[in-house]
Amino acid sequence: EDLMKRADAYAERNYLSRSGLMSLALTNYLNSFELLSSLNDIKFSMRKIADNNVVDKETLEKLNDFERLCHVLGVGN
């Protein structure tokens, strides 16, 4: 109950509906989860590149996925 009161107060202060706030919060949560997952993929990809001194097809796909995610999130633009 307290959480919903806080959410409603925040939404009102920021000219959002409760639904709009929930949508924004869920979008931010999912983006964070996807970013952490992608960072983990990049960690393994970089280790693979360092160990093998080559970029294979799978690693290149992970690097491209990370670049797309960065673009969507506005990182490095």
Protein backbone atom coordinates (compact mmCIF):
# COMPACT_ATOMS: atom_id res chain seq x y z
CA GLU A 1 0.00 0.00 0.00
CA ASP A 2 2.82 2.40 0.91
CA LEU A 3 4.61 1.60 -2.34
CA MET A 4 1.54 2.49 -4.38
CA LYS A 5 1.14 5.76 -2.49
CA ARG A 6 4.77 6.61 -3.22
CA ALA A 7 4.32 5.63 -6.87
CA ASP A 8 1.17 7.72 -7.22
CA ALA A 9 2.84 10.74 -5.62
CA TYR A 10 5.86 10.40 -7.92
CA ALA A 11 3.65 9.97 -10.97
CA GLU A 12 1.63 13.05 -10.09
CA ARG A 13 4.75 15.18 -9.52
CA ASN A 14 6.07 14.09 -12.91
CA TYR A 15 2.83 14.36 -14.89
CA LEU A 16 2.52 10.61 -15.38
CA SER A 17 -0.33 8.22 -14.89
CA ARG A 18 0.22 5.24 -12.62
CA SER A 19 0.21 3.06 -15.72
CA GLY A 20 2.74 5.32 -17.43
CA LEU A 21 5.02 5.18 -14.39
CA MET A 22 4.77 1.40 -14.23
CA SER A 23 5.57 1.15 -17.93
CA LEU A 24 8.58 3.43 -17.51
CA ALA A 25 9.78 1.50 -14.44
CA LEU A 26 9.43 -1.86 -16.18
CA THR A 27 11.21 -0.58 -19.27
CA ASN A 28 14.11 0.67 -17.13
CA TYR A 29 14.25 -2.60 -15.21
CA LEU A 30 14.31 -4.72 -18.37
CA ASN A 31 16.90 -2.45 -20.00
CA SER A 32 19.11 -2.85 -16.93
CA PHE A 33 18.72 -6.62 -16.98
CA GLU A 34 19.51 -6.78 -20.70
CA LEU A 35 22.53 -4.54 -20.24
CA LEU A 36 23.93 -6.69 -17.43
CA SER A 37 23.40 -9.81 -19.50
CA SER A 38 25.08 -8.18 -22.48
CA LEU A 39 28.02 -7.02 -20.34
CA ASN A 40 28.50 -10.60 -19.22
CA ASP A 41 28.54 -11.73 -22.87
CA ILE A 42 31.09 -9.02 -23.68
CA LYS A 43 33.27 -10.13 -20.76
CA PHE A 44 33.41 -13.67 -22.14
CA SER A 45 33.87 -12.43 -25.70
CA MET A 46 36.81 -10.25 -24.74
CA ARG A 47 38.39 -13.12 -22.81
CA LYS A 48 37.91 -15.38 -25.86
CA ILE A 49 39.51 -12.79 -28.15
CA ALA A 50 42.42 -12.33 -25.74
CA ASP A 51 42.98 -16.07 -25.37
CA ASN A 52 42.64 -16.99 -29.06
CA ASN A 53 43.79 -13.77 -30.71
CA VAL A 54 40.92 -14.09 -33.19
CA VAL A 55 37.30 -12.95 -33.48
CA ASP A 56 35.10 -15.87 -34.49
CA LYS A 57 31.57 -15.60 -35.88
CA GLU A 58 29.84 -16.20 -32.52
CA THR A 59 31.98 -13.59 -30.78
CA LEU A 60 31.37 -11.08 -33.57
CA GLU A 61 27.60 -11.60 -33.20
CA LYS A 62 27.83 -10.91 -29.45
CA LEU A 63 29.87 -7.77 -30.11
CA ASN A 64 27.29 -6.61 -32.68
CA ASP A 65 24.44 -7.33 -30.23
CA PHE A 66 26.21 -5.23 -27.60
CA GLU A 67 26.74 -2.39 -30.07
CA ARG A 68 23.02 -2.43 -30.97
CA LEU A 69 22.04 -2.36 -27.29
CA CYS A 70 24.38 0.59 -26.69
CA HIS A 71 22.77 2.41 -29.61
CA VAL A 72 19.26 1.77 -28.24
CA LEU A 73 20.31 3.02 -24.80
CA GLY A 74 22.04 6.07 -26.27
CA VAL A 75 25.50 5.04 -25.05
CA GLY A 76 28.38 6.43 -27.08
CA ASN A 77 26.22 8.52 -29.41
